[in-house]
Amino acid sequence: MYSDYWQLNSAPFENNVDTRFYFESESHHASLLKLRYMIENDKGAGLIVGGTGIGKTFVLNVLAESLEGAFGPFVHLVFPQMTPGELLAYLAAELGAREETLRRDTAGLDRTIRTIQQQIQQYNTQGRHPVLLVDEAHMIEDQTTFQALRLLMNFQPIGLKFSLIFSGQTELLSRIRRIPQLEERLGVKCILRPMPYEETLGYIAHRIRMAGVSRALFTPDSLESIFELSGGIPRQVNRLCDLALLVGLADNSEQVTADQVEAVSEELTALIVE
């Protein structure tokens, strides 16, 4: 809506996973390197945690895009509250198993695991390395689900190449610690942290630049306000910047001001309270 006014070729602050807008903060860069190392060196499983809106899913999408080719398919599991049988059946289906070969009851769990093993073996013979991404894993309440996923790691000692990544909020760390057999299989652990001030400024400038504009659309004072109000959390930065650009359009401003950012923040806070 405001793109023409600010001479942007796209909306720079959409809360989506368009990897063109990926900004390598120190925390995100380190996590991406560790996860790549884990997959490329067949280190088993990995863990990435962080607060809401910190960019976990974004990192996983960048990871998948950067490893396209020999690695994959990347099976993105976003329904972690399924039963163990349902989860494994879903995974087998995503890996290409025929639905009639799958069983979701307890008696069929072993058969489903064998089916997954066969599918992974097929990919390996093609020179490919499947990766399972379990997003929102902190929502898994049934420990037997974690145990079922742990069983998949038994494929590695028999020579199969397969990686598993758990992603979730920070409480996921304590949940996995309760399952030592799973925790000891984690090759890497990554913790995403909010961006400090300078990185927040770099993040904003990068996204505007990727949308086709190199000039500063925000005053220095407004950037300070964005950092203070967002805490350096990417999703919050995006919300503030997006609405502030809209207010700047409405006010016919040359740049977004601190007052406009603070007005946007007050509106967002009021919506949450209501």
Protein backbone atom coordinates (compact mmCIF):
# COMPACT_ATOMS: atom_id res chain seq x y z
CA MET A 1 0.00 0.00 0.00
CA TYR A 2 2.83 2.40 0.84
CA SER A 3 5.40 0.97 -1.59
CA ASP A 4 4.88 3.59 -4.32
CA TYR A 5 5.12 6.46 -1.85
CA TRP A 6 8.47 5.26 -0.48
CA GLN A 7 9.60 4.06 -3.95
CA LEU A 8 9.90 0.46 -2.79
CA ASN A 9 9.58 -2.45 -5.22
CA SER A 10 8.12 -4.70 -2.50
CA ALA A 11 7.02 -4.54 1.13
CA PRO A 12 10.26 -4.85 3.15
CA PHE A 13 8.81 -5.78 6.53
CA GLU A 14 6.43 -8.63 5.84
CA ASN A 15 6.57 -11.32 8.53
CA ASN A 16 7.19 -14.13 6.08
CA VAL A 17 10.12 -16.38 5.21
CA ASP A 18 11.22 -14.79 1.93
CA THR A 19 14.91 -15.66 2.10
CA ARG A 20 15.85 -12.60 0.02
CA PHE A 21 15.37 -10.59 3.20
CA TYR A 22 17.50 -12.84 5.40
CA PHE A 23 19.90 -10.75 7.52
CA GLU A 24 22.88 -12.47 9.08
CA SER A 25 22.98 -11.27 12.65
CA GLU A 26 25.78 -12.83 14.67
CA SER A 27 23.35 -15.16 16.43
CA HIS A 28 21.55 -16.25 13.26
CA HIS A 29 24.80 -16.70 11.34
CA ALA A 30 26.34 -18.86 14.06
CA SER A 31 23.22 -21.03 14.27
CA LEU A 32 23.10 -21.50 10.52
CA LEU A 33 26.77 -22.53 10.41
CA LYS A 34 26.33 -25.03 13.25
CA LEU A 35 23.26 -26.63 11.67
CA ARG A 36 24.99 -26.88 8.29
CA TYR A 37 27.99 -28.48 9.96
CA MET A 38 25.73 -30.97 11.71
CA ILE A 39 24.02 -32.01 8.48
CA GLU A 40 27.05 -31.99 6.19
CA ASN A 41 29.10 -34.05 8.65
CA ASP A 42 26.27 -36.43 9.55
CA LYS A 43 26.23 -35.53 13.24
CA GLY A 44 22.76 -36.86 13.93
CA ALA A 45 20.32 -34.34 15.39
CA GLY A 46 20.37 -30.63 16.09
CA LEU A 47 18.43 -28.18 18.23
CA ILE A 48 17.59 -24.52 17.63
CA VAL A 49 15.68 -22.54 20.26
CA GLY A 50 14.68 -18.96 20.87
CA GLY A 51 11.78 -16.76 21.86
CA THR A 52 8.69 -16.00 19.79
CA GLY A 53 9.46 -14.04 16.64
CA ILE A 54 13.22 -14.48 16.89
CA GLY A 55 13.57 -16.08 13.44
CA LYS A 56 13.86 -19.83 14.00
CA THR A 57 11.68 -20.81 11.03
CA PHE A 58 13.49 -18.26 8.87
CA VAL A 59 16.85 -19.86 9.69
CA LEU A 60 15.47 -23.31 8.85
CA ASN A 61 14.23 -22.07 5.47
CA VAL A 62 17.57 -20.45 4.67
CA LEU A 63 19.28 -23.67 5.73
CA ALA A 64 17.10 -25.78 3.42
CA GLU A 65 17.66 -23.40 0.51
CA SER A 66 21.42 -23.33 1.04
CA LEU A 67 21.66 -27.13 1.03
CA GLU A 68 19.46 -27.88 -1.97
CA GLY A 69 20.88 -30.61 -4.15
CA ALA A 70 22.60 -33.50 -2.41
CA PHE A 71 20.70 -32.78 0.80
CA GLY A 72 16.96 -33.28 1.00
CA PRO A 73 14.14 -33.72 0.83
CA PHE A 74 13.56 -31.32 3.72
CA VAL A 75 10.42 -32.53 5.47
CA HIS A 76 8.99 -29.63 7.49
CA LEU A 77 6.82 -30.95 10.30
CA VAL A 78 4.56 -28.23 11.69
CA PHE A 79 2.00 -30.37 13.54
CA PRO A 80 4.05 -31.72 16.45
CA GLN A 81 0.99 -32.51 18.59
CA MET A 82 0.19 -35.59 16.53
CA THR A 83 0.42 -38.97 18.23
CA PRO A 84 3.70 -40.85 17.70
CA GLY A 85 2.01 -43.14 15.18
CA GLU A 86 0.48 -40.25 13.25
CA LEU A 87 3.75 -38.34 13.26
CA LEU A 88 5.79 -41.25 11.92
CA ALA A 89 3.11 -42.05 9.32
CA TYR A 90 3.16 -38.41 8.19
CA LEU A 91 6.95 -38.50 7.91
CA ALA A 92 6.86 -41.75 5.93
CA ALA A 93 4.27 -40.28 3.55
CA GLU A 94 6.31 -37.09 3.07
CA LEU A 95 9.31 -39.25 2.23
CA GLY A 96 7.27 -40.92 -0.50
CA ALA A 97 5.82 -44.04 1.12
CA ARG A 98 2.52 -45.27 -0.26
CA GLU A 99 -0.33 -44.61 2.15
CA GLU A 100 -1.56 -48.19 2.09
CA THR A 101 1.75 -49.36 3.60
CA LEU A 102 1.31 -47.19 6.69
CA ARG A 103 -0.31 -48.07 10.00
CA ARG A 104 -1.11 -45.50 12.68
CA ASP A 105 -2.00 -47.82 15.54
CA THR A 106 0.53 -48.92 18.15
CA ALA A 107 0.93 -52.36 16.59
CA GLY A 108 1.98 -50.74 13.31
CA LEU A 109 4.63 -48.40 14.76
CA ASP A 110 7.54 -50.76 14.06
CA ARG A 111 6.31 -51.30 10.54
CA THR A 112 6.12 -47.54 9.95
CA ILE A 113 9.67 -47.10 11.22
CA ARG A 114 10.85 -49.82 8.85
CA THR A 115 9.04 -48.05 6.01
CA ILE A 116 10.82 -44.79 6.88
CA GLN A 117 14.11 -46.67 6.92
CA GLN A 118 13.42 -48.05 3.44
CA GLN A 119 12.53 -44.59 2.12
CA ILE A 120 15.70 -43.06 3.55
CA GLN A 121 17.71 -45.90 2.04
CA GLN A 122 16.22 -45.15 -1.37
CA TYR A 123 17.23 -41.50 -1.11
CA ASN A 124 20.72 -42.48 0.03
CA THR A 125 21.18 -44.70 -3.03
CA GLN A 126 20.36 -41.61 -5.11
CA GLY A 127 23.08 -39.70 -3.28
CA ARG A 128 20.63 -37.69 -1.19
CA HIS A 129 20.44 -37.05 2.55
CA PRO A 130 16.90 -36.43 3.94
CA VAL A 131 16.39 -33.86 6.71
CA LEU A 132 13.41 -33.70 9.09
CA LEU A 133 12.64 -30.27 10.55
CA VAL A 134 10.36 -30.46 13.62
CA ASP A 135 9.05 -26.92 14.13
CA GLU A 136 7.28 -25.73 17.30
CA ALA A 137 8.71 -28.80 19.06
CA HIS A 138 8.14 -27.18 22.47
CA MET A 139 4.45 -28.00 21.90
CA ILE A 140 5.14 -31.73 22.06
CA GLU A 141 3.63 -32.77 25.38
CA ASP A 142 3.80 -36.55 25.05
CA GLN A 143 7.33 -37.75 25.75
CA THR A 144 6.64 -40.89 23.74
CA THR A 145 6.62 -38.63 20.67
CA PHE A 146 10.20 -37.58 21.43
CA GLN A 147 11.04 -41.23 22.02
CA ALA A 148 9.58 -42.18 18.64
CA LEU A 149 11.68 -39.51 16.93
CA ARG A 150 14.74 -40.71 18.84
CA LEU A 151 14.27 -44.16 17.32
CA LEU A 152 14.91 -42.62 13.91
CA MET A 153 18.45 -41.77 15.01
CA ASN A 154 19.16 -45.50 15.20
CA PHE A 155 19.36 -45.46 11.41
CA GLN A 156 22.76 -43.78 11.50
CA PRO A 157 24.79 -46.61 13.11
CA ILE A 158 23.66 -48.87 10.26
CA GLY A 159 25.02 -46.43 7.69
CA LEU A 160 21.93 -44.44 6.67
CA LYS A 161 22.32 -40.68 6.18
CA PHE A 162 19.50 -38.75 7.78
CA SER A 163 19.35 -35.61 9.94
CA LEU A 164 16.79 -34.39 12.46
CA ILE A 165 16.39 -30.80 13.69
CA PHE A 166 14.17 -29.73 16.59
CA SER A 167 13.07 -26.09 16.65
CA GLY A 168 11.08 -24.39 19.40
CA GLN A 169 10.93 -21.90 22.22
CA THR A 170 13.52 -22.00 24.98
CA GLU A 171 11.51 -24.37 27.21
CA LEU A 172 12.27 -27.07 24.64
CA LEU A 173 15.77 -27.30 26.17
CA SER A 174 14.43 -28.48 29.52
CA ARG A 175 12.03 -30.95 27.89
CA ILE A 176 14.78 -32.62 25.91
CA ARG A 177 17.04 -32.74 28.97
CA ARG A 178 14.47 -35.08 30.53
CA ILE A 179 15.27 -37.58 27.77
CA PRO A 180 19.02 -38.21 28.11
CA GLN A 181 18.99 -40.80 25.31
CA LEU A 182 17.80 -38.06 22.93
CA GLU A 183 19.89 -35.21 24.30
CA GLU A 184 23.11 -37.19 23.89
CA ARG A 185 22.30 -37.62 20.19
CA LEU A 186 22.22 -33.85 19.62
CA GLY A 187 25.25 -32.92 17.56
CA VAL A 188 24.68 -29.17 17.96
CA LYS A 189 22.57 -26.83 20.09
CA CYS A 190 21.77 -23.33 18.85
CA ILE A 191 20.22 -20.47 20.80
CA LEU A 192 18.90 -17.48 18.87
CA ARG A 193 19.09 -14.19 20.75
CA PRO A 194 17.63 -10.74 20.07
CA MET A 195 19.70 -8.42 17.92
CA PRO A 196 21.72 -5.70 19.66
CA TYR A 197 21.28 -2.06 18.63
CA GLU A 198 23.77 -1.94 15.74
CA GLU A 199 22.47 -5.17 14.26
CA THR A 200 18.89 -3.94 14.50
CA LEU A 201 19.85 -0.88 12.46
CA GLY A 202 21.66 -3.10 9.97
CA TYR A 203 18.61 -5.38 9.76
CA ILE A 204 16.28 -2.47 8.95
CA ALA A 205 18.66 -1.00 6.36
CA HIS A 206 19.17 -4.41 4.75
CA ARG A 207 15.46 -5.09 4.32
CA ILE A 208 14.84 -1.64 2.86
CA ARG A 209 17.78 -2.11 0.49
CA MET A 210 16.47 -5.51 -0.64
CA ALA A 211 13.17 -3.76 -1.42
CA GLY A 212 14.99 -1.41 -3.78
CA VAL A 213 15.74 1.71 -1.71
CA SER A 214 19.17 2.75 -0.43
CA ARG A 215 18.28 6.02 1.30
CA ALA A 216 17.31 6.23 4.97
CA LEU A 217 13.54 6.04 5.44
CA PHE A 218 13.76 6.34 9.25
CA THR A 219 15.29 9.17 11.27
CA PRO A 220 18.06 8.25 13.76
CA ASP A 221 15.68 8.94 16.67
CA SER A 222 13.02 6.68 15.17
CA LEU A 223 15.57 3.86 14.83
CA GLU A 224 16.42 4.20 18.51
CA SER A 225 12.73 4.00 19.36
CA ILE A 226 12.28 0.90 17.18
CA PHE A 227 15.13 -0.85 18.96
CA GLU A 228 13.90 0.08 22.44
CA LEU A 229 10.31 -0.92 21.70
CA SER A 230 11.12 -4.14 19.84
CA GLY A 231 13.94 -5.39 22.02
CA GLY A 232 15.76 -6.39 18.84
CA ILE A 233 13.26 -9.17 18.07
CA PRO A 234 12.88 -9.39 14.27
CA ARG A 235 9.11 -9.95 14.22
CA GLN A 236 8.53 -6.94 16.47
CA VAL A 237 10.91 -4.82 14.40
CA ASN A 238 8.94 -5.78 11.29
CA ARG A 239 5.58 -4.88 12.83
CA LEU A 240 6.76 -1.48 14.01
CA CYS A 241 8.52 -0.60 10.76
CA ASP A 242 5.67 -1.78 8.56
CA LEU A 243 3.00 0.26 10.33
CA ALA A 244 5.31 3.25 10.81
CA LEU A 245 5.87 3.43 7.04
CA LEU A 246 2.09 3.44 6.61
CA VAL A 247 1.75 6.29 9.11
CA GLY A 248 4.54 8.14 7.30
CA LEU A 249 2.53 7.86 4.09
CA ALA A 250 -0.60 9.16 5.82
CA ASP A 251 1.36 12.11 7.25
CA ASN A 252 3.13 12.80 3.94
CA SER A 253 6.48 12.53 5.73
CA GLU A 254 9.92 12.50 4.11
CA GLN A 255 11.15 10.13 6.82
CA VAL A 256 9.52 8.16 9.61
CA THR A 257 9.93 9.95 12.95
CA ALA A 258 10.25 8.70 16.52
CA ASP A 259 6.81 10.14 17.34
CA GLN A 260 5.26 8.07 14.56
CA VAL A 261 6.99 4.90 15.75
CA GLU A 262 5.83 5.49 19.32
CA ALA A 263 2.27 6.15 18.15
CA VAL A 264 2.30 2.83 16.27
CA SER A 265 3.63 1.04 19.36
CA GLU A 266 0.86 2.51 21.52
CA GLU A 267 -1.76 1.30 19.04
CA LEU A 268 -0.28 -2.20 18.98
CA THR A 269 -0.14 -2.31 22.77
CA ALA A 270 -3.77 -1.17 22.99
CA LEU A 271 -4.81 -3.96 20.61
CA ILE A 272 -3.05 -6.55 22.77
CA VAL A 273 -4.69 -5.23 25.95
CA GLU A 274 -8.12 -5.28 24.33
